[in-house]
Amino acid sequence: MPTTTTTMTITLATKPDLNLEELVQVCTIHCSNASFGRGSLFLIFGICQGMDVQENVPHSNALSQLESSTDNLKAMDQNGTSASKPYAADLGSIVEARKRIAPHIHITPVVTSSSLDALAGCKLFFKCELLQKGGAFKFRGACNAVLSLSDDDARKGVLTHSSGNHAAAVALAARMRGIPAHIIVPNNAPTCKLNNVKRYGGLITICEPTLQSREYTAACVQQDTGATLIHPFNDPRIISGQGTVALEFLEQVPDLDAIVVPISGGGLISGIALAAKALKPSIKIIAAEPSGADDAAQSKIAGYVIPMLHPNTIADGLRASLGDLTWPVLRDLVSEVVTVDDDEIISATKMCYEVLKLAVEPSGAIGLAAILSKKSKNLGSETKNIGIILSGGNVDLEVLWAAWKYNS
């Protein structure tokens, strides 16, 4: 056995505080070694008997989860990247992101409701990313991107264009590092999200609500300032940061059969799919999308990216089109895209308020809407445990109240 593998065995045997993701990372790095086969993998895990591989999870469950992902890990190179289908991020980059951002983010809770379980006909687990710093999952990716910058680049500041949650997340992460954040915001951004950007010290430039205007304005600001662009979703650092949601979720609820994720540009679902499928290849990843902004659904059916030019939905955080880094993950690793109309989204948002007692924004409640719509072709009676990402809670209450009144 090569020295590197021997060293790994000693490390695992002498560090009982290693958790599941660290075990998987070590195996990912070394599994391409020809002499490191299936038997060697479980010999190493055997050395670790008695350690808490995963908090509150029986050893047999954790080992089963690792065993089911062995073939997947063996297909990766020494950087944890899929040898046959490389993506913008991978399990290795997501684990690194988690280490980088761990001191700065919240580990968000998971909540359940027997009332909603009865409506859905299965067990639902809600990952509360609305309780993340900045009020949304976006802080994970923004924090990872900002902390990844060299000191020289950081001094020039960062730049992004966003309708709200990503803008606030970048502003907050930049303030944390003590650098300027230039934020391009469309003139139709929700007031509450614009206020968050101001609260975190972002330097706001208003533009027209089109992708072309956002990108042109960002290019002008970048030319003037030299700031580093942090794209809302089409950035490996962002995708890796968002993937940490899945690492946490599978530690909290290891028996998940599926995860339902809101989709817009695709950064969140890409990170979650790459992490979850690496750890548990059998898990299904389902995208939830507004029917008034259904470019992901159209693209999935067509087999190529179809941009969404004129989105029309109350879910203001789900109006972007897929990027060239997120599309391959949707194409290859997401089982299906379930679309729901605004009435269904509003109803699900109301349930989150009334049943879960959580102030979820419509974009964040769309996963529940997708499940209750019963439109999924991939979630049959065998799917017992479904995870739902409540992605954010930055609500424009005036718009939401008006929508509820209109639909009542």
Protein backbone atom coordinates (compact mmCIF):
# COMPACT_ATOMS: atom_id res chain seq x y z
CA MET A 1 0.00 0.00 0.00
CA PRO A 2 1.48 3.39 -0.97
CA THR A 3 2.64 5.74 1.76
CA THR A 4 -0.18 8.24 1.09
CA THR A 5 -2.84 5.62 1.72
CA THR A 6 -1.08 4.38 4.87
CA THR A 7 -0.95 7.93 6.18
CA MET A 8 -4.66 8.33 5.47
CA THR A 9 -5.45 5.17 7.44
CA ILE A 10 -3.49 6.41 10.44
CA THR A 11 -5.15 9.81 10.21
CA LEU A 12 -8.63 8.33 10.30
CA ALA A 13 -7.76 5.95 13.10
CA THR A 14 -6.22 8.61 15.30
CA LYS A 15 -8.70 11.45 14.73
CA PRO A 16 -12.09 10.28 15.96
CA ASP A 17 -13.49 13.80 15.60
CA LEU A 18 -13.55 13.58 11.80
CA ASN A 19 -17.10 13.88 10.48
CA LEU A 20 -18.73 12.31 7.45
CA GLU A 21 -17.76 15.01 4.96
CA GLU A 22 -14.10 14.83 6.03
CA LEU A 23 -14.10 11.05 5.63
CA VAL A 24 -15.61 11.37 2.18
CA GLN A 25 -13.15 14.10 1.22
CA VAL A 26 -10.18 11.94 2.18
CA CYS A 27 -11.61 9.00 0.26
CA THR A 28 -12.34 11.24 -2.72
CA ILE A 29 -8.73 12.43 -2.83
CA HIS A 30 -7.30 8.92 -2.65
CA CYS A 31 -9.86 6.72 -4.36
CA SER A 32 -8.24 7.06 -7.80
CA ASN A 33 -5.23 5.10 -6.47
CA ALA A 34 -5.31 1.73 -8.24
CA SER A 35 -4.50 -0.22 -5.08
CA PHE A 36 -7.22 1.52 -3.08
CA GLY A 37 -10.27 -0.56 -3.85
CA ARG A 38 -13.59 -1.33 -2.18
CA GLY A 39 -12.04 -3.66 0.41
CA SER A 40 -9.46 -1.08 1.44
CA LEU A 41 -12.17 1.55 1.79
CA PHE A 42 -14.12 -0.45 4.33
CA LEU A 43 -10.98 -1.64 6.10
CA ILE A 44 -10.33 2.04 6.81
CA PHE A 45 -13.86 2.60 8.04
CA GLY A 46 -13.49 -0.53 10.16
CA ILE A 47 -10.58 1.07 11.97
CA CYS A 48 -12.93 3.88 12.91
CA GLN A 49 -15.53 1.68 14.64
CA GLY A 50 -17.01 3.36 17.65
CA MET A 51 -16.56 6.93 16.43
CA ASP A 52 -19.51 9.17 15.71
CA VAL A 53 -19.24 9.31 11.92
CA GLN A 54 -22.31 11.51 11.75
CA GLU A 55 -24.08 13.28 14.56
CA ASN A 56 -27.23 11.52 15.74
CA VAL A 57 -26.95 8.86 13.01
CA PRO A 58 -26.41 5.13 13.72
CA HIS A 59 -23.06 3.85 12.46
CA SER A 60 -24.79 1.40 10.12
CA ASN A 61 -26.66 4.24 8.39
CA ALA A 62 -23.53 6.31 7.90
CA LEU A 63 -21.58 3.33 6.55
CA SER A 64 -24.47 2.44 4.25
CA GLN A 65 -24.52 5.98 2.92
CA LEU A 66 -20.79 5.87 2.27
CA GLU A 67 -20.99 2.42 0.68
CA SER A 68 -23.67 3.57 -1.74
CA SER A 69 -21.42 6.39 -2.93
CA THR A 70 -18.24 4.32 -3.35
CA ASP A 71 -18.63 3.83 -7.09
CA ASN A 72 -19.31 7.51 -7.52
CA LEU A 73 -16.19 8.44 -5.59
CA LYS A 74 -14.04 5.99 -7.53
CA ALA A 75 -14.96 7.84 -10.73
CA MET A 76 -13.40 11.05 -9.43
CA ASP A 77 -9.85 12.25 -9.94
CA GLN A 78 -7.49 13.43 -7.20
CA ASN A 79 -9.22 16.81 -7.00
CA GLY A 80 -12.62 15.22 -6.40
CA THR A 81 -13.78 16.10 -9.92
CA SER A 82 -15.77 13.67 -12.04
CA ALA A 83 -13.36 12.24 -14.57
CA SER A 84 -16.01 11.71 -17.24
CA LYS A 85 -18.25 14.76 -16.67
CA PRO A 86 -16.39 17.62 -15.01
CA TYR A 87 -18.58 20.37 -13.61
CA ALA A 88 -17.85 23.83 -12.24
CA ALA A 89 -17.74 22.43 -8.69
CA ASP A 90 -17.42 19.06 -7.01
CA LEU A 91 -17.49 17.44 -3.60
CA GLY A 92 -13.92 18.52 -2.88
CA SER A 93 -14.57 22.21 -3.64
CA ILE A 94 -17.81 22.12 -1.63
CA VAL A 95 -16.08 20.62 1.40
CA GLU A 96 -13.36 23.27 1.11
CA ALA A 97 -16.03 25.95 0.91
CA ARG A 98 -17.63 24.64 4.08
CA LYS A 99 -14.34 24.87 5.95
CA ARG A 100 -13.77 28.39 4.66
CA ILE A 101 -17.19 29.78 5.59
CA ALA A 102 -17.90 27.74 8.73
CA PRO A 103 -16.87 30.47 11.21
CA HIS A 104 -19.13 33.00 9.52
CA ILE A 105 -22.43 31.26 8.68
CA HIS A 106 -25.32 29.73 10.60
CA ILE A 107 -26.02 26.01 10.54
CA THR A 108 -29.68 26.40 9.67
CA PRO A 109 -32.30 24.22 11.38
CA VAL A 110 -34.62 21.64 9.88
CA VAL A 111 -38.29 21.76 10.84
CA THR A 112 -41.19 19.36 10.28
CA SER A 113 -44.98 19.48 10.38
CA SER A 114 -47.34 16.53 10.75
CA SER A 115 -50.10 18.66 9.19
CA LEU A 116 -48.11 19.25 6.02
CA ASP A 117 -46.96 15.62 6.01
CA ALA A 118 -50.62 14.58 5.87
CA LEU A 119 -51.29 16.87 2.92
CA ALA A 120 -48.22 15.65 1.05
CA GLY A 121 -48.62 11.96 1.86
CA CYS A 122 -44.99 11.64 2.93
CA LYS A 123 -42.55 12.98 5.50
CA LEU A 124 -41.36 16.52 4.73
CA PHE A 125 -38.21 18.10 6.13
CA PHE A 126 -37.81 21.86 5.68
CA LYS A 127 -34.26 23.24 5.57
CA CYS A 128 -34.62 26.80 6.89
CA GLU A 129 -32.22 28.84 4.78
CA LEU A 130 -34.39 31.88 5.43
CA LEU A 131 -32.69 31.87 8.85
CA GLN A 132 -29.23 32.17 7.29
CA LYS A 133 -27.34 35.45 7.68
CA GLY A 134 -28.74 37.95 5.23
CA GLY A 135 -32.06 36.10 5.24
CA ALA A 136 -31.24 33.60 2.48
CA PHE A 137 -28.93 30.80 1.36
CA LYS A 138 -27.08 33.32 -0.81
CA PHE A 139 -24.71 34.29 1.99
CA ARG A 140 -23.01 30.88 1.74
CA GLY A 141 -21.85 31.40 -1.83
CA ALA A 142 -21.11 35.09 -1.41
CA CYS A 143 -19.07 34.43 1.71
CA ASN A 144 -17.08 31.71 -0.05
CA ALA A 145 -16.39 33.94 -3.04
CA VAL A 146 -15.35 36.98 -1.01
CA LEU A 147 -13.11 34.95 1.32
CA SER A 148 -11.49 33.24 -1.70
CA LEU A 149 -10.09 36.54 -3.01
CA SER A 150 -6.43 37.40 -2.66
CA ASP A 151 -5.64 40.44 -0.54
CA ASP A 152 -4.65 42.42 -3.65
CA ASP A 153 -7.94 41.68 -5.41
CA ALA A 154 -9.97 42.22 -2.26
CA ARG A 155 -8.62 45.74 -1.81
CA LYS A 156 -10.27 46.75 -5.10
CA GLY A 157 -13.61 45.54 -3.83
CA VAL A 158 -16.27 43.28 -5.28
CA LEU A 159 -19.07 43.81 -7.77
CA THR A 160 -22.31 42.03 -8.58
CA HIS A 161 -25.69 42.52 -10.23
CA SER A 162 -28.73 41.09 -8.48
CA SER A 163 -32.41 41.71 -7.77
CA GLY A 164 -31.93 41.31 -4.05
CA ASN A 165 -30.75 38.34 -1.99
CA HIS A 166 -27.39 37.87 -3.69
CA ALA A 167 -26.81 41.62 -3.66
CA ALA A 168 -27.38 41.76 0.09
CA ALA A 169 -25.24 38.67 0.64
CA VAL A 170 -22.29 40.11 -1.26
CA ALA A 171 -22.62 43.42 0.58
CA LEU A 172 -22.68 41.61 3.93
CA ALA A 173 -19.71 39.38 3.07
CA ALA A 174 -17.73 42.39 1.82
CA ARG A 175 -18.48 44.34 4.98
CA MET A 176 -17.30 41.37 6.99
CA ARG A 177 -13.96 41.45 5.15
CA GLY A 178 -13.76 45.23 5.23
CA ILE A 179 -13.85 45.86 1.48
CA PRO A 180 -16.22 47.85 -0.78
CA ALA A 181 -19.15 46.15 -2.54
CA HIS A 182 -20.54 47.69 -5.73
CA ILE A 183 -24.08 46.44 -6.30
CA ILE A 184 -26.03 46.78 -9.58
CA VAL A 185 -29.74 46.55 -8.80
CA PRO A 186 -32.65 46.63 -11.28
CA ASN A 187 -35.22 49.36 -10.69
CA ASN A 188 -37.95 46.81 -9.97
CA ALA A 189 -36.11 45.10 -7.08
CA PRO A 190 -38.24 44.61 -3.94
CA THR A 191 -37.89 47.44 -1.46
CA CYS A 192 -37.07 45.10 1.42
CA LYS A 193 -34.16 43.59 -0.49
CA LEU A 194 -32.87 46.97 -1.56
CA ASN A 195 -32.99 48.09 2.06
CA ASN A 196 -30.91 45.06 3.04
CA VAL A 197 -28.20 46.06 0.58
CA LYS A 198 -28.14 49.57 2.04
CA ARG A 199 -28.08 48.20 5.59
CA TYR A 200 -24.98 46.13 4.81
CA GLY A 201 -23.14 49.07 3.24
CA GLY A 202 -23.44 48.16 -0.43
CA LEU A 203 -22.73 50.91 -2.98
CA ILE A 204 -25.85 50.79 -5.15
CA THR A 205 -26.18 51.60 -8.85
CA ILE A 206 -29.69 51.32 -10.31
CA CYS A 207 -30.22 49.90 -13.81
CA GLU A 208 -33.05 48.79 -16.08
CA PRO A 209 -34.61 45.39 -15.25
CA THR A 210 -33.02 43.48 -18.14
CA LEU A 211 -30.04 41.17 -18.18
CA GLN A 212 -28.40 43.26 -20.87
CA SER A 213 -28.68 46.42 -18.76
CA ARG A 214 -27.42 44.67 -15.64
CA GLU A 215 -24.37 43.26 -17.40
CA TYR A 216 -23.56 46.51 -19.23
CA THR A 217 -23.83 48.58 -16.06
CA ALA A 218 -21.70 46.07 -14.16
CA ALA A 219 -19.04 46.21 -16.89
CA CYS A 220 -18.93 50.01 -16.65
CA VAL A 221 -18.55 49.95 -12.86
CA GLN A 222 -15.89 47.25 -13.08
CA GLN A 223 -13.90 49.29 -15.58
CA ASP A 224 -14.01 52.29 -13.24
CA THR A 225 -13.18 50.44 -10.02
CA GLY A 226 -11.26 47.28 -10.89
CA ALA A 227 -13.60 45.36 -8.57
CA THR A 228 -13.92 41.59 -8.90
CA LEU A 229 -17.22 40.44 -10.35
CA ILE A 230 -19.09 37.86 -8.27
CA HIS A 231 -21.81 36.48 -10.49
CA PRO A 232 -25.07 35.56 -8.72
CA PHE A 233 -24.93 31.92 -9.84
CA ASN A 234 -22.58 31.28 -12.78
CA ASP A 235 -19.43 31.12 -10.64
CA PRO A 236 -17.67 28.01 -9.28
CA ARG A 237 -17.12 29.71 -5.90
CA ILE A 238 -20.83 30.49 -5.62
CA ILE A 239 -21.88 26.97 -6.63
CA SER A 240 -19.46 25.44 -4.12
CA GLY A 241 -20.72 27.67 -1.34
CA GLN A 242 -24.35 26.86 -2.05
CA GLY A 243 -23.49 23.15 -2.06
CA THR A 244 -22.78 23.34 1.67
CA VAL A 245 -26.56 23.34 2.17
CA ALA A 246 -26.62 19.70 1.06
CA LEU A 247 -23.71 18.69 3.32
CA GLU A 248 -25.58 20.05 6.33
CA PHE A 249 -28.95 18.69 5.26
CA LEU A 250 -27.71 15.13 4.80
CA GLU A 251 -26.00 15.24 8.17
CA GLN A 252 -29.23 16.42 9.78
CA VAL A 253 -31.51 14.03 7.85
CA PRO A 254 -29.40 11.23 6.32
CA ASP A 255 -32.42 9.23 5.15
CA LEU A 256 -33.66 11.78 2.61
CA ASP A 257 -34.92 10.20 -0.59
CA ALA A 258 -35.24 13.48 -2.48
CA ILE A 259 -34.51 17.19 -2.17
CA VAL A 260 -36.75 19.80 -3.79
CA VAL A 261 -34.90 23.01 -4.66
CA PRO A 262 -36.06 26.35 -6.11
CA ILE A 263 -34.42 27.07 -9.45
CA SER A 264 -33.60 30.33 -11.16
CA GLY A 265 -30.04 30.75 -12.43
CA GLY A 266 -29.21 27.36 -10.98
CA GLY A 267 -26.41 28.05 -8.49
CA LEU A 268 -28.23 26.57 -5.51
CA ILE A 269 -29.52 23.44 -7.21
CA SER A 270 -26.14 22.86 -8.89
CA GLY A 271 -24.28 22.92 -5.59
CA ILE A 272 -26.89 20.78 -3.86
CA ALA A 273 -27.01 18.23 -6.68
CA LEU A 274 -23.23 17.89 -6.90
CA ALA A 275 -22.84 17.41 -3.14
CA ALA A 276 -25.88 15.23 -2.54
CA LYS A 277 -25.27 12.95 -5.53
CA ALA A 278 -21.64 12.46 -4.50
CA LEU A 279 -22.64 11.47 -0.98
CA LYS A 280 -25.80 9.58 -1.91
CA PRO A 281 -26.14 8.72 -5.61
CA SER A 282 -29.66 7.33 -5.18
CA ILE A 283 -31.09 10.63 -3.98
CA LYS A 284 -33.40 12.48 -6.36
CA ILE A 285 -32.96 16.20 -6.94
CA ILE A 286 -36.14 17.96 -8.05
CA ALA A 287 -36.25 21.55 -9.28
CA ALA A 288 -39.25 23.77 -8.50
CA GLU A 289 -39.91 26.64 -10.90
CA PRO A 290 -42.64 29.24 -11.51
CA SER A 291 -44.67 28.56 -14.65
CA GLY A 292 -44.24 32.25 -15.49
CA ALA A 293 -40.46 31.86 -15.58
CA ASP A 294 -40.04 28.28 -16.76
CA ASP A 295 -36.84 28.44 -18.77
CA ALA A 296 -35.31 25.55 -16.79
CA ALA A 297 -38.29 23.30 -17.52
CA GLN A 298 -38.21 24.22 -21.20
CA SER A 299 -34.46 23.73 -21.36
CA LYS A 300 -34.62 20.34 -19.65
CA ILE A 301 -37.17 19.12 -22.20
CA ALA A 302 -35.37 20.60 -25.20
CA GLY A 303 -31.89 19.46 -24.19
CA TYR A 304 -30.37 22.92 -24.58
CA VAL A 305 -30.65 26.27 -22.80
CA ILE A 306 -33.74 28.33 -23.63
CA PRO A 307 -33.37 31.80 -22.07
CA MET A 308 -36.27 33.37 -20.19
CA LEU A 309 -36.66 36.83 -21.72
CA HIS A 310 -39.89 38.05 -20.09
CA PRO A 311 -40.46 36.35 -16.71
CA ASN A 312 -43.76 37.05 -14.98
CA THR A 313 -44.07 35.69 -11.46
CA ILE A 314 -44.52 36.81 -7.88
CA ALA A 315 -41.37 34.82 -7.08
CA ASP A 316 -39.00 37.73 -7.70
CA GLY A 317 -35.94 35.65 -6.80
CA LEU A 318 -36.65 33.12 -9.57
CA ARG A 319 -36.61 35.28 -12.68
CA ALA A 320 -33.07 34.62 -13.97
CA SER A 321 -32.02 32.28 -16.77
CA LEU A 322 -29.61 29.37 -16.49
CA GLY A 323 -25.88 29.87 -16.90
CA ASP A 324 -23.41 27.81 -18.89
CA LEU A 325 -21.94 26.45 -15.64
CA THR A 326 -25.28 25.51 -14.08
CA TRP A 327 -27.00 24.07 -17.14
CA PRO A 328 -24.85 20.89 -17.34
CA VAL A 329 -25.73 20.01 -13.73
CA LEU A 330 -29.45 20.51 -14.36
CA ARG A 331 -29.19 18.48 -17.54
CA ASP A 332 -27.33 15.55 -15.98
CA LEU A 333 -28.17 15.38 -12.26
CA VAL A 334 -31.64 16.88 -11.76
CA SER A 335 -34.45 14.35 -12.17
CA GLU A 336 -37.09 16.82 -13.31
CA VAL A 337 -38.35 20.39 -13.14
CA VAL A 338 -41.81 20.83 -11.62
CA THR A 339 -43.55 24.07 -12.55
CA VAL A 340 -46.27 25.71 -10.46
CA ASP A 341 -48.32 28.85 -11.03
CA ASP A 342 -48.39 31.90 -8.81
CA ASP A 343 -51.63 30.89 -7.07
CA GLU A 344 -49.95 27.67 -5.92
CA ILE A 345 -46.87 29.59 -4.78
CA ILE A 346 -48.99 32.08 -2.83
CA SER A 347 -50.93 29.25 -1.18
CA ALA A 348 -47.71 27.50 -0.15
CA THR A 349 -46.28 30.74 1.20
CA LYS A 350 -49.39 31.21 3.30
CA MET A 351 -49.02 27.67 4.67
CA CYS A 352 -45.44 28.43 5.69
CA TYR A 353 -46.71 31.41 7.68
CA GLU A 354 -49.74 29.70 9.21
CA VAL A 355 -48.42 26.17 9.78
CA LEU A 356 -44.64 26.43 10.05
CA LYS A 357 -44.75 29.94 11.57
CA LEU A 358 -41.96 30.96 9.21
CA ALA A 359 -41.87 34.20 7.19
CA VAL A 360 -40.82 32.64 3.89
CA GLU A 361 -40.70 34.65 0.67
CA PRO A 362 -42.63 33.25 -2.32
CA SER A 363 -39.41 32.16 -4.04
CA GLY A 364 -38.52 30.18 -0.92
CA ALA A 365 -41.93 28.50 -0.61
CA ILE A 366 -42.04 27.15 -4.15
CA GLY A 367 -40.65 23.75 -3.12
CA LEU A 368 -43.69 23.14 -0.91
CA ALA A 369 -45.94 24.30 -3.75
CA ALA A 370 -44.30 21.77 -6.07
CA ILE A 371 -44.83 18.90 -3.63
CA LEU A 372 -48.45 19.79 -2.89
CA SER A 373 -49.19 20.14 -6.63
CA LYS A 374 -48.60 16.37 -6.99
CA LYS A 375 -47.17 17.03 -10.47
CA SER A 376 -43.86 15.24 -9.96
CA LYS A 377 -43.32 12.12 -12.04
CA ASN A 378 -40.31 11.04 -9.96
CA LEU A 379 -41.72 11.11 -6.43
CA GLY A 380 -43.78 7.96 -6.12
CA SER A 381 -45.08 6.06 -3.11
CA GLU A 382 -41.58 4.73 -2.44
CA THR A 383 -40.36 8.27 -1.75
CA LYS A 384 -40.85 8.50 2.00
CA ASN A 385 -38.62 11.37 3.10
CA ILE A 386 -38.48 14.58 1.08
CA GLY A 387 -36.30 17.56 1.86
CA ILE A 388 -37.51 21.02 0.88
CA ILE A 389 -35.23 24.05 0.75
CA LEU A 390 -36.90 27.16 2.17
CA SER A 391 -34.39 29.33 0.38
CA GLY A 392 -35.13 32.82 1.72
CA GLY A 393 -37.27 35.07 3.84
CA ASN A 394 -36.77 38.59 2.50
CA VAL A 395 -40.41 39.34 1.86
CA ASP A 396 -41.92 42.43 0.27
CA LEU A 397 -44.92 42.37 2.58
CA GLU A 398 -46.99 44.91 0.67
CA VAL A 399 -46.81 42.81 -2.50
CA LEU A 400 -47.50 39.62 -0.57
CA TRP A 401 -50.49 41.05 1.30
CA ALA A 402 -51.95 42.31 -1.98
CA ALA A 403 -51.50 38.88 -3.54
CA TRP A 404 -53.16 37.14 -0.62
CA LYS A 405 -56.07 39.57 -0.71
CA TYR A 406 -56.48 39.07 -4.46
CA ASN A 407 -56.45 35.27 -4.09
CA SER A 408 -58.72 35.10 -1.02
